[in-house]
Amino acid sequence: MKIPIVSERTDEVRVGFRHVFETVIDGCGVKRGPHTEATVAWISRDGAQESRYVGAAKVHPNDQPERKIGRKIALARALRESGLSRDERRQVWKGLLEKGMRV
């Protein structure tokens, strides 16, 4: 989903989620258990560069997968890695809450 923000870098940030409830082998041959991935991406104002960051939240083997908690943890990790300023991160969270994401 697209979240409009006020920033010197970009006008909008795209956020997406992916939930995996089975053990899978990724492209590097690593076995991964149930997890949630959040992707944060934006294109610079001049259109020259696209930035994309992924955060993941793994499910402990003794726990049941919980989408809401997984989304929150994965998104927080992706935003932290993205290098967005605190104000920009707040705008992303606020935009998601306004679009109906429950935290």
PDB file of N, CA and C in Angstrom:
ATOM      1  N   MET A   1       0.833  -1.166   0.000  1.00  0.00           N
ATOM      2  CA  MET A   1       0.000   0.000   0.000  1.00  0.00           C
ATOM      3  C   MET A   1       0.882   1.234   0.000  1.00  0.00           C
ATOM      4  N   LYS A   2       0.391   2.293  -0.581  1.00  0.00           N
ATOM      5  CA  LYS A   2       1.146   3.532  -0.702  1.00  0.00           C
ATOM      6  C   LYS A   2       0.783   4.469   0.446  1.00  0.00           C
ATOM      7  N   ILE A   3       1.816   4.996   1.099  1.00  0.00           N
ATOM      8  CA  ILE A   3       1.633   5.917   2.215  1.00  0.00           C
ATOM      9  C   ILE A   3       2.249   7.254   1.819  1.00  0.00           C
ATOM     10  N   PRO A   4       1.441   8.320   1.675  1.00  0.00           N
ATOM     11  CA  PRO A   4       2.017   9.629   1.359  1.00  0.00           C
ATOM     12  C   PRO A   4       2.723  10.211   2.583  1.00  0.00           C
ATOM     13  N   ILE A   5       3.923  10.759   2.374  1.00  0.00           N
ATOM     14  CA  ILE A   5       4.658  11.395   3.464  1.00  0.00           C
ATOM     15  C   ILE A   5       5.226  12.724   2.982  1.00  0.00           C
ATOM     16  N   VAL A   6       5.592  13.570   3.929  1.00  0.00           N
ATOM     17  CA  VAL A   6       6.241  14.842   3.638  1.00  0.00           C
ATOM     18  C   VAL A   6       7.719  14.641   3.960  1.00  0.00           C
ATOM     19  N   SER A   7       8.551  14.686   2.910  1.00  0.00           N
ATOM     20  CA  SER A   7       9.965  14.393   3.084  1.00  0.00           C
ATOM     21  C   SER A   7      10.770  15.037   1.961  1.00  0.00           C
ATOM     22  N   GLU A   8      12.063  15.219   2.214  1.00  0.00           N
ATOM     23  CA  GLU A   8      12.951  15.727   1.170  1.00  0.00           C
ATOM     24  C   GLU A   8      13.317  14.620   0.186  1.00  0.00           C
ATOM     25  N   ARG A   9      13.235  13.361   0.602  1.00  0.00           N
ATOM     26  CA  ARG A   9      13.629  12.229  -0.240  1.00  0.00           C
ATOM     27  C   ARG A   9      12.575  11.823  -1.248  1.00  0.00           C
ATOM     28  N   THR A  10      11.315  11.737  -0.781  1.00  0.00           N
ATOM     29  CA  THR A  10      10.264  11.157  -1.603  1.00  0.00           C
ATOM     30  C   THR A  10       8.894  11.679  -1.191  1.00  0.00           C
ATOM     31  N   ASP A  11       7.898  11.407  -2.026  1.00  0.00           N
ATOM     32  CA  ASP A  11       6.527  11.821  -1.718  1.00  0.00           C
ATOM     33  C   ASP A  11       5.709  10.697  -1.104  1.00  0.00           C
ATOM     34  N   GLU A  12       6.110   9.437  -1.361  1.00  0.00           N
ATOM     35  CA  GLU A  12       5.353   8.312  -0.829  1.00  0.00           C
ATOM     36  C   GLU A  12       6.266   7.129  -0.549  1.00  0.00           C
ATOM     37  N   VAL A  13       5.829   6.326   0.407  1.00  0.00           N
ATOM     38  CA  VAL A  13       6.527   5.103   0.776  1.00  0.00           C
ATOM     39  C   VAL A  13       5.561   3.948   0.551  1.00  0.00           C
ATOM     40  N   ARG A  14       6.044   2.890  -0.100  1.00  0.00           N
ATOM     41  CA  ARG A  14       5.218   1.704  -0.318  1.00  0.00           C
ATOM     42  C   ARG A  14       5.567   0.654   0.732  1.00  0.00           C
ATOM     43  N   VAL A  15       4.537   0.082   1.335  1.00  0.00           N
ATOM     44  CA  VAL A  15       4.713  -0.932   2.369  1.00  0.00           C
ATOM     45  C   VAL A  15       3.949  -2.178   1.947  1.00  0.00           C
ATOM     46  N   GLY A  16       4.598  -3.330   2.076  1.00  0.00           N
ATOM     47  CA  GLY A  16       3.950  -4.598   1.749  1.00  0.00           C
ATOM     48  C   GLY A  16       4.309  -5.650   2.777  1.00  0.00           C
ATOM     49  N   PHE A  17       3.427  -6.622   2.953  1.00  0.00           N
ATOM     50  CA  PHE A  17       3.644  -7.699   3.917  1.00  0.00           C
ATOM     51  C   PHE A  17       3.504  -9.048   3.238  1.00  0.00           C
ATOM     52  N   ARG A  18       4.266 -10.010   3.721  1.00  0.00           N
ATOM     53  CA  ARG A  18       4.194 -11.375   3.223  1.00  0.00           C
ATOM     54  C   ARG A  18       4.280 -12.304   4.432  1.00  0.00           C
ATOM     55  N   HIS A  19       3.319 -13.211   4.553  1.00  0.00           N
ATOM     56  CA  HIS A  19       3.279 -14.167   5.657  1.00  0.00           C
ATOM     57  C   HIS A  19       3.567 -15.556   5.117  1.00  0.00           C
ATOM     58  N   VAL A  20       4.523 -16.253   5.725  1.00  0.00           N
ATOM     59  CA  VAL A  20       4.872 -17.616   5.330  1.00  0.00           C
ATOM     60  C   VAL A  20       4.656 -18.496   6.556  1.00  0.00           C
ATOM     61  N   PHE A  21       3.754 -19.472   6.445  1.00  0.00           N
ATOM     62  CA  PHE A  21       3.424 -20.312   7.592  1.00  0.00           C
ATOM     63  C   PHE A  21       4.028 -21.712   7.514  1.00  0.00           C
ATOM     64  N   GLU A  22       4.809 -21.974   6.476  1.00  0.00           N
ATOM     65  CA  GLU A  22       5.443 -23.279   6.331  1.00  0.00           C
ATOM     66  C   GLU A  22       6.949 -23.092   6.286  1.00  0.00           C
ATOM     67  N   THR A  23       7.680 -24.148   6.541  1.00  0.00           N
ATOM     68  CA  THR A  23       9.126 -24.105   6.409  1.00  0.00           C
ATOM     69  C   THR A  23       9.473 -24.147   4.926  1.00  0.00           C
ATOM     70  N   VAL A  24      10.283 -23.191   4.483  1.00  0.00           N
ATOM     71  CA  VAL A  24      10.670 -23.094   3.071  1.00  0.00           C
ATOM     72  C   VAL A  24      12.181 -23.001   2.973  1.00  0.00           C
ATOM     73  N   ILE A  25      12.698 -23.308   1.803  1.00  0.00           N
ATOM     74  CA  ILE A  25      14.120 -23.137   1.527  1.00  0.00           C
ATOM     75  C   ILE A  25      14.243 -21.948   0.590  1.00  0.00           C
ATOM     76  N   ASP A  26      14.958 -20.905   1.032  1.00  0.00           N
ATOM     77  CA  ASP A  26      15.067 -19.694   0.207  1.00  0.00           C
ATOM     78  C   ASP A  26      16.107 -19.874  -0.897  1.00  0.00           C
ATOM     79  N   GLY A  27      16.358 -18.835  -1.667  1.00  0.00           N
ATOM     80  CA  GLY A  27      17.253 -18.895  -2.818  1.00  0.00           C
ATOM     81  C   GLY A  27      18.687 -19.268  -2.474  1.00  0.00           C
ATOM     82  N   CYS A  28      19.094 -19.043  -1.233  1.00  0.00           N
ATOM     83  CA  CYS A  28      20.468 -19.365  -0.822  1.00  0.00           C
ATOM     84  C   CYS A  28      20.579 -20.775  -0.250  1.00  0.00           C
ATOM     85  N   GLY A  29      19.480 -21.524  -0.255  1.00  0.00           N
ATOM     86  CA  GLY A  29      19.499 -22.882   0.272  1.00  0.00           C
ATOM     87  C   GLY A  29      19.333 -22.948   1.776  1.00  0.00           C
ATOM     88  N   VAL A  30      18.920 -21.841   2.393  1.00  0.00           N
ATOM     89  CA  VAL A  30      18.736 -21.797   3.841  1.00  0.00           C
ATOM     90  C   VAL A  30      17.295 -22.142   4.174  1.00  0.00           C
ATOM     91  N   LYS A  31      17.110 -23.033   5.137  1.00  0.00           N
ATOM     92  CA  LYS A  31      15.767 -23.430   5.546  1.00  0.00           C
ATOM     93  C   LYS A  31      15.220 -22.373   6.511  1.00  0.00           C
ATOM     94  N   ARG A  32      14.035 -21.851   6.201  1.00  0.00           N
ATOM     95  CA  ARG A  32      13.399 -20.836   7.048  1.00  0.00           C
ATOM     96  C   ARG A  32      12.041 -21.330   7.501  1.00  0.00           C
ATOM     97  N   GLY A  33      11.765 -21.184   8.774  1.00  0.00           N
ATOM     98  CA  GLY A  33      10.478 -21.577   9.324  1.00  0.00           C
ATOM     99  C   GLY A  33       9.446 -20.487   9.106  1.00  0.00           C
ATOM    100  N   PRO A  34       8.315 -20.597   9.778  1.00  0.00           N
ATOM    101  CA  PRO A  34       7.260 -19.587   9.630  1.00  0.00           C
ATOM    102  C   PRO A  34       7.793 -18.195   9.978  1.00  0.00           C
ATOM    103  N   HIS A  35       7.441 -17.214   9.151  1.00  0.00           N
ATOM    104  CA  HIS A  35       7.896 -15.848   9.375  1.00  0.00           C
ATOM    105  C   HIS A  35       7.011 -14.855   8.634  1.00  0.00           C
ATOM    106  N   THR A  36       7.170 -13.597   8.996  1.00  0.00           N
ATOM    107  CA  THR A  36       6.489 -12.484   8.334  1.00  0.00           C
ATOM    108  C   THR A  36       7.563 -11.550   7.797  1.00  0.00           C
ATOM    109  N   GLU A  37       7.378 -11.088   6.568  1.00  0.00           N
ATOM    110  CA  GLU A  37       8.302 -10.125   5.972  1.00  0.00           C
ATOM    111  C   GLU A  37       7.558  -8.830   5.683  1.00  0.00           C
ATOM    112  N   ALA A  38       8.196  -7.724   5.990  1.00  0.00           N
ATOM    113  CA  ALA A  38       7.662  -6.406   5.642  1.00  0.00           C
ATOM    114  C   ALA A  38       8.652  -5.752   4.684  1.00  0.00           C
ATOM    115  N   THR A  39       8.149  -5.202   3.596  1.00  0.00           N
ATOM    116  CA  THR A  39       8.986  -4.519   2.618  1.00  0.00           C
ATOM    117  C   THR A  39       8.631  -3.040   2.615  1.00  0.00           C
ATOM    118  N   VAL A  40       9.653  -2.199   2.750  1.00  0.00           N
ATOM    119  CA  VAL A  40       9.494  -0.748   2.709  1.00  0.00           C
ATOM    120  C   VAL A  40      10.289  -0.259   1.501  1.00  0.00           C
ATOM    121  N   ALA A  41       9.632   0.450   0.589  1.00  0.00           N
ATOM    122  CA  ALA A  41      10.307   0.912  -0.626  1.00  0.00           C
ATOM    123  C   ALA A  41       9.839   2.316  -0.985  1.00  0.00           C
ATOM    124  N   TRP A  42      10.723   3.045  -1.629  1.00  0.00           N
ATOM    125  CA  TRP A  42      10.364   4.358  -2.166  1.00  0.00           C
ATOM    126  C   TRP A  42      11.297   4.700  -3.310  1.00  0.00           C
ATOM    127  N   ILE A  43      10.843   5.621  -4.160  1.00  0.00           N
ATOM    128  CA  ILE A  43      11.638   6.120  -5.275  1.00  0.00           C
ATOM    129  C   ILE A  43      11.998   7.564  -4.963  1.00  0.00           C
ATOM    130  N   SER A  44      13.254   7.924  -5.176  1.00  0.00           N
ATOM    131  CA  SER A  44      13.696   9.282  -4.874  1.00  0.00           C
ATOM    132  C   SER A  44      12.922  10.292  -5.717  1.00  0.00           C
ATOM    133  N   ARG A  45      12.905  11.522  -5.267  1.00  0.00           N
ATOM    134  CA  ARG A  45      12.132  12.570  -5.954  1.00  0.00           C
ATOM    135  C   ARG A  45      12.531  12.736  -7.418  1.00  0.00           C
ATOM    136  N   ASP A  46      13.816  12.595  -7.728  1.00  0.00           N
ATOM    137  CA  ASP A  46      14.257  12.753  -9.111  1.00  0.00           C
ATOM    138  C   ASP A  46      14.035  11.482  -9.938  1.00  0.00           C
ATOM    139  N   GLY A  47      13.592  10.417  -9.303  1.00  0.00           N
ATOM    140  CA  GLY A  47      13.280   9.171 -10.004  1.00  0.00           C
ATOM    141  C   GLY A  47      14.491   8.346 -10.383  1.00  0.00           C
ATOM    142  N   ALA A  48      15.662   8.727  -9.901  1.00  0.00           N
ATOM    143  CA  ALA A  48      16.892   8.047 -10.301  1.00  0.00           C
ATOM    144  C   ALA A  48      17.176   6.788  -9.490  1.00  0.00           C
ATOM    145  N   GLN A  49      16.675   6.727  -8.246  1.00  0.00           N
ATOM    146  CA  GLN A  49      17.054   5.621  -7.385  1.00  0.00           C
ATOM    147  C   GLN A  49      15.854   5.074  -6.631  1.00  0.00           C
ATOM    148  N   GLU A  50      15.740   3.742  -6.601  1.00  0.00           N
ATOM    149  CA  GLU A  50      14.710   3.100  -5.796  1.00  0.00           C
ATOM    150  C   GLU A  50      15.390   2.431  -4.609  1.00  0.00           C
ATOM    151  N   SER A  51      14.851   2.660  -3.434  1.00  0.00           N
ATOM    152  CA  SER A  51      15.375   2.050  -2.221  1.00  0.00           C
ATOM    153  C   SER A  51      14.356   1.044  -1.711  1.00  0.00           C
ATOM    154  N   ARG A  52      14.842  -0.151  -1.337  1.00  0.00           N
ATOM    155  CA  ARG A  52      13.960  -1.210  -0.865  1.00  0.00           C
ATOM    156  C   ARG A  52      14.620  -1.908   0.318  1.00  0.00           C
ATOM    157  N   TYR A  53      13.858  -2.057   1.404  1.00  0.00           N
ATOM    158  CA  TYR A  53      14.365  -2.688   2.617  1.00  0.00           C
ATOM    159  C   TYR A  53      13.355  -3.720   3.095  1.00  0.00           C
ATOM    160  N   VAL A  54      13.867  -4.823   3.625  1.00  0.00           N
ATOM    161  CA  VAL A  54      13.010  -5.910   4.100  1.00  0.00           C
ATOM    162  C   VAL A  54      13.345  -6.196   5.556  1.00  0.00           C
ATOM    163  N   GLY A  55      12.305  -6.328   6.374  1.00  0.00           N
ATOM    164  CA  GLY A  55      12.454  -6.727   7.767  1.00  0.00           C
ATOM    165  C   GLY A  55      11.688  -8.020   7.972  1.00  0.00           C
ATOM    166  N   ALA A  56      12.171  -8.882   8.849  1.00  0.00           N
ATOM    167  CA  ALA A  56      11.518 -10.173   9.070  1.00  0.00           C
ATOM    168  C   ALA A  56      11.289 -10.404  10.552  1.00  0.00           C
ATOM    169  N   ALA A  57      10.234 -11.134  10.842  1.00  0.00           N
ATOM    170  CA  ALA A  57       9.911 -11.554  12.204  1.00  0.00           C
ATOM    171  C   ALA A  57       9.663 -13.057  12.168  1.00  0.00           C
ATOM    172  N   LYS A  58      10.501 -13.815  12.866  1.00  0.00           N
ATOM    173  CA  LYS A  58      10.371 -15.270  12.880  1.00  0.00           C
ATOM    174  C   LYS A  58       9.444 -15.702  14.008  1.00  0.00           C
ATOM    175  N   VAL A  59       8.774 -16.821  13.792  1.00  0.00           N
ATOM    176  CA  VAL A  59       7.888 -17.396  14.803  1.00  0.00           C
ATOM    177  C   VAL A  59       8.668 -18.457  15.567  1.00  0.00           C
ATOM    178  N   HIS A  60       8.615 -18.387  16.877  1.00  0.00           N
ATOM    179  CA  HIS A  60       9.267 -19.408  17.702  1.00  0.00           C
ATOM    180  C   HIS A  60       8.549 -20.740  17.496  1.00  0.00           C
ATOM    181  N   PRO A  61       9.280 -21.863  17.491  1.00  0.00           N
ATOM    182  CA  PRO A  61       8.638 -23.164  17.250  1.00  0.00           C
ATOM    183  C   PRO A  61       7.517 -23.511  18.240  1.00  0.00           C
ATOM    184  N   ASN A  62       7.559 -22.949  19.445  1.00  0.00           N
ATOM    185  CA  ASN A  62       6.525 -23.247  20.448  1.00  0.00           C
ATOM    186  C   ASN A  62       5.320 -22.312  20.374  1.00  0.00           C
ATOM    187  N   ASP A  63       5.362 -21.320  19.489  1.00  0.00           N
ATOM    188  CA  ASP A  63       4.288 -20.330  19.393  1.00  0.00           C
ATOM    189  C   ASP A  63       3.429 -20.548  18.160  1.00  0.00           C
ATOM    190  N   GLN A  64       2.206 -20.029  18.222  1.00  0.00           N
ATOM    191  CA  GLN A  64       1.317 -19.995  17.068  1.00  0.00           C
ATOM    192  C   GLN A  64       1.590 -18.693  16.306  1.00  0.00           C
ATOM    193  N   PRO A  65       1.586 -18.725  14.971  1.00  0.00           N
ATOM    194  CA  PRO A  65       1.801 -17.482  14.204  1.00  0.00           C
ATOM    195  C   PRO A  65       0.688 -16.466  14.496  1.00  0.00           C
ATOM    196  N   GLU A  66       1.082 -15.227  14.731  1.00  0.00           N
ATOM    197  CA  GLU A  66       0.141 -14.138  14.991  1.00  0.00           C
ATOM    198  C   GLU A  66       0.443 -13.033  13.991  1.00  0.00           C
ATOM    199  N   ARG A  67      -0.429 -12.847  12.995  1.00  0.00           N
ATOM    200  CA  ARG A  67      -0.169 -11.884  11.922  1.00  0.00           C
ATOM    201  C   ARG A  67       0.060 -10.470  12.434  1.00  0.00           C
ATOM    202  N   LYS A  68      -0.763 -10.024  13.359  1.00  0.00           N
ATOM    203  CA  LYS A  68      -0.683  -8.647  13.825  1.00  0.00           C
ATOM    204  C   LYS A  68       0.676  -8.353  14.470  1.00  0.00           C
ATOM    205  N   ILE A  69       1.130  -9.238  15.318  1.00  0.00           N
ATOM    206  CA  ILE A  69       2.412  -9.045  15.996  1.00  0.00           C
ATOM    207  C   ILE A  69       3.564  -9.179  15.004  1.00  0.00           C
ATOM    208  N   GLY A  70       3.479 -10.146  14.104  1.00  0.00           N
ATOM    209  CA  GLY A  70       4.515 -10.334  13.098  1.00  0.00           C
ATOM    210  C   GLY A  70       4.671  -9.125  12.199  1.00  0.00           C
ATOM    211  N   ARG A  71       3.535  -8.540  11.784  1.00  0.00           N
ATOM    212  CA  ARG A  71       3.584  -7.337  10.939  1.00  0.00           C
ATOM    213  C   ARG A  71       4.293  -6.193  11.656  1.00  0.00           C
ATOM    214  N   LYS A  72       3.932  -5.992  12.911  1.00  0.00           N
ATOM    215  CA  LYS A  72       4.500  -4.883  13.670  1.00  0.00           C
ATOM    216  C   LYS A  72       6.015  -5.036  13.833  1.00  0.00           C
ATOM    217  N   ILE A  73       6.469  -6.222  14.206  1.00  0.00           N
ATOM    218  CA  ILE A  73       7.899  -6.447  14.409  1.00  0.00           C
ATOM    219  C   ILE A  73       8.657  -6.325  13.084  1.00  0.00           C
ATOM    220  N   ALA A  74       8.144  -6.958  12.034  1.00  0.00           N
ATOM    221  CA  ALA A  74       8.822  -6.927  10.734  1.00  0.00           C
ATOM    222  C   ALA A  74       8.885  -5.505  10.185  1.00  0.00           C
ATOM    223  N   LEU A  75       7.794  -4.751  10.310  1.00  0.00           N
ATOM    224  CA  LEU A  75       7.791  -3.372   9.814  1.00  0.00           C
ATOM    225  C   LEU A  75       8.762  -2.505  10.600  1.00  0.00           C
ATOM    226  N   ALA A  76       8.791  -2.657  11.914  1.00  0.00           N
ATOM    227  CA  ALA A  76       9.727  -1.874  12.727  1.00  0.00           C
ATOM    228  C   ALA A  76      11.170  -2.151  12.308  1.00  0.00           C
ATOM    229  N   ARG A  77      11.490  -3.416  12.021  1.00  0.00           N
ATOM    230  CA  ARG A  77      12.848  -3.773  11.597  1.00  0.00           C
ATOM    231  C   ARG A  77      13.167  -3.208  10.214  1.00  0.00           C
ATOM    232  N   ALA A  78      12.206  -3.259   9.314  1.00  0.00           N
ATOM    233  CA  ALA A  78      12.435  -2.724   7.961  1.00  0.00           C
ATOM    234  C   ALA A  78      12.623  -1.206   8.010  1.00  0.00           C
ATOM    235  N   LEU A  79      11.816  -0.516   8.802  1.00  0.00           N
ATOM    236  CA  LEU A  79      11.944   0.941   8.912  1.00  0.00           C
ATOM    237  C   LEU A  79      13.265   1.332   9.559  1.00  0.00           C
ATOM    238  N   ARG A  80      13.696   0.561  10.553  1.00  0.00           N
ATOM    239  CA  ARG A  80      14.968   0.854  11.217  1.00  0.00           C
ATOM    240  C   ARG A  80      16.136   0.733  10.231  1.00  0.00           C
ATOM    241  N   GLU A  81      16.104  -0.296   9.382  1.00  0.00           N
ATOM    242  CA  GLU A  81      17.175  -0.508   8.409  1.00  0.00           C
ATOM    243  C   GLU A  81      17.123   0.491   7.244  1.00  0.00           C
ATOM    244  N   SER A  82      15.960   1.076   7.008  1.00  0.00           N
ATOM    245  CA  SER A  82      15.780   1.928   5.828  1.00  0.00           C
ATOM    246  C   SER A  82      16.528   3.247   5.896  1.00  0.00           C
ATOM    247  N   GLY A  83      16.859   3.706   7.082  1.00  0.00           N
ATOM    248  CA  GLY A  83      17.550   4.982   7.201  1.00  0.00           C
ATOM    249  C   GLY A  83      16.621   6.185   7.140  1.00  0.00           C
ATOM    250  N   LEU A  84      15.316   5.952   7.186  1.00  0.00           N
ATOM    251  CA  LEU A  84      14.371   7.064   7.229  1.00  0.00           C
ATOM    252  C   LEU A  84      14.507   7.782   8.562  1.00  0.00           C
ATOM    253  N   SER A  85      14.254   9.081   8.558  1.00  0.00           N
ATOM    254  CA  SER A  85      14.333   9.844   9.803  1.00  0.00           C
ATOM    255  C   SER A  85      13.174   9.463  10.718  1.00  0.00           C
ATOM    256  N   ARG A  86      13.277   9.861  11.963  1.00  0.00           N
ATOM    257  CA  ARG A  86      12.233   9.542  12.938  1.00  0.00           C
ATOM    258  C   ARG A  86      10.879  10.108  12.497  1.00  0.00           C
ATOM    259  N   ASP A  87      10.886  11.329  11.991  1.00  0.00           N
ATOM    260  CA  ASP A  87       9.645  11.955  11.537  1.00  0.00           C
ATOM    261  C   ASP A  87       9.037  11.184  10.356  1.00  0.00           C
ATOM    262  N   GLU A  88       9.879  10.746   9.433  1.00  0.00           N
ATOM    263  CA  GLU A  88       9.383   9.983   8.280  1.00  0.00           C
ATOM    264  C   GLU A  88       8.803   8.639   8.724  1.00  0.00           C
ATOM    265  N   ARG A  89       9.477   7.984   9.677  1.00  0.00           N
ATOM    266  CA  ARG A  89       8.955   6.711  10.194  1.00  0.00           C
ATOM    267  C   ARG A  89       7.604   6.912  10.886  1.00  0.00           C
ATOM    268  N   ARG A  90       7.490   7.988  11.639  1.00  0.00           N
ATOM    269  CA  ARG A  90       6.206   8.286  12.302  1.00  0.00           C
ATOM    270  C   ARG A  90       5.093   8.495  11.277  1.00  0.00           C
ATOM    271  N   GLN A  91       5.403   9.164  10.184  1.00  0.00           N
ATOM    272  CA  GLN A  91       4.403   9.383   9.139  1.00  0.00           C
ATOM    273  C   GLN A  91       3.961   8.060   8.512  1.00  0.00           C
ATOM    274  N   VAL A  92       4.906   7.128   8.354  1.00  0.00           N
ATOM    275  CA  VAL A  92       4.551   5.813   7.795  1.00  0.00           C
ATOM    276  C   VAL A  92       3.619   5.074   8.750  1.00  0.00           C
ATOM    277  N   TRP A  93       3.969   5.042  10.045  1.00  0.00           N
ATOM    278  CA  TRP A  93       3.104   4.368  11.026  1.00  0.00           C
ATOM    279  C   TRP A  93       1.716   5.023  11.059  1.00  0.00           C
ATOM    280  N   LYS A  94       1.681   6.347  11.078  1.00  0.00           N
ATOM    281  CA  LYS A  94       0.402   7.066  11.124  1.00  0.00           C
ATOM    282  C   LYS A  94      -0.433   6.760   9.885  1.00  0.00           C
ATOM    283  N   GLY A  95       0.205   6.746   8.720  1.00  0.00           N
ATOM    284  CA  GLY A  95      -0.502   6.431   7.483  1.00  0.00           C
ATOM    285  C   GLY A  95      -1.080   5.027   7.497  1.00  0.00           C
ATOM    286  N   LEU A  96      -0.329   4.061   8.019  1.00  0.00           N
ATOM    287  CA  LEU A  96      -0.829   2.684   8.103  1.00  0.00           C
ATOM    288  C   LEU A  96      -2.006   2.580   9.061  1.00  0.00           C
ATOM    289  N   LEU A  97      -1.921   3.269  10.192  1.00  0.00           N
ATOM    290  CA  LEU A  97      -3.025   3.244  11.145  1.00  0.00           C
ATOM    291  C   LEU A  97      -4.279   3.876  10.556  1.00  0.00           C
ATOM    292  N   GLU A  98      -4.111   4.945   9.783  1.00  0.00           N
ATOM    293  CA  GLU A  98      -5.263   5.594   9.147  1.00  0.00           C
ATOM    294  C   GLU A  98      -5.892   4.709   8.081  1.00  0.00           C
ATOM    295  N   LYS A  99      -5.080   3.841   7.462  1.00  0.00           N
ATOM    296  CA  LYS A  99      -5.606   2.930   6.426  1.00  0.00           C
ATOM    297  C   LYS A  99      -6.217   1.657   7.029  1.00  0.00           C
ATOM    298  N   GLY A 100      -6.175   1.550   8.365  1.00  0.00           N
ATOM    299  CA  GLY A 100      -6.858   0.435   9.006  1.00  0.00           C
ATOM    300  C   GLY A 100      -5.972  -0.657   9.568  1.00  0.00           C
ATOM    301  N   MET A 101      -4.655  -0.478   9.549  1.00  0.00           N
ATOM    302  CA  MET A 101      -3.784  -1.491  10.157  1.00  0.00           C
ATOM    303  C   MET A 101      -3.919  -1.412  11.659  1.00  0.00           C
ATOM    304  N   ARG A 102      -4.206  -2.550  12.276  1.00  0.00           N
ATOM    305  CA  ARG A 102      -4.352  -2.587  13.727  1.00  0.00           C
ATOM    306  C   ARG A 102      -3.029  -2.987  14.360  1.00  0.00           C
ATOM    307  N   VAL A 103      -2.599  -2.193  15.336  1.00  0.00           N
ATOM    308  CA  VAL A 103      -1.329  -2.456  16.008  1.00  0.00           C
ATOM    309  C   VAL A 103      -1.577  -2.766  17.456  1.00  0.00           C
TER     310      VAL A 103
END
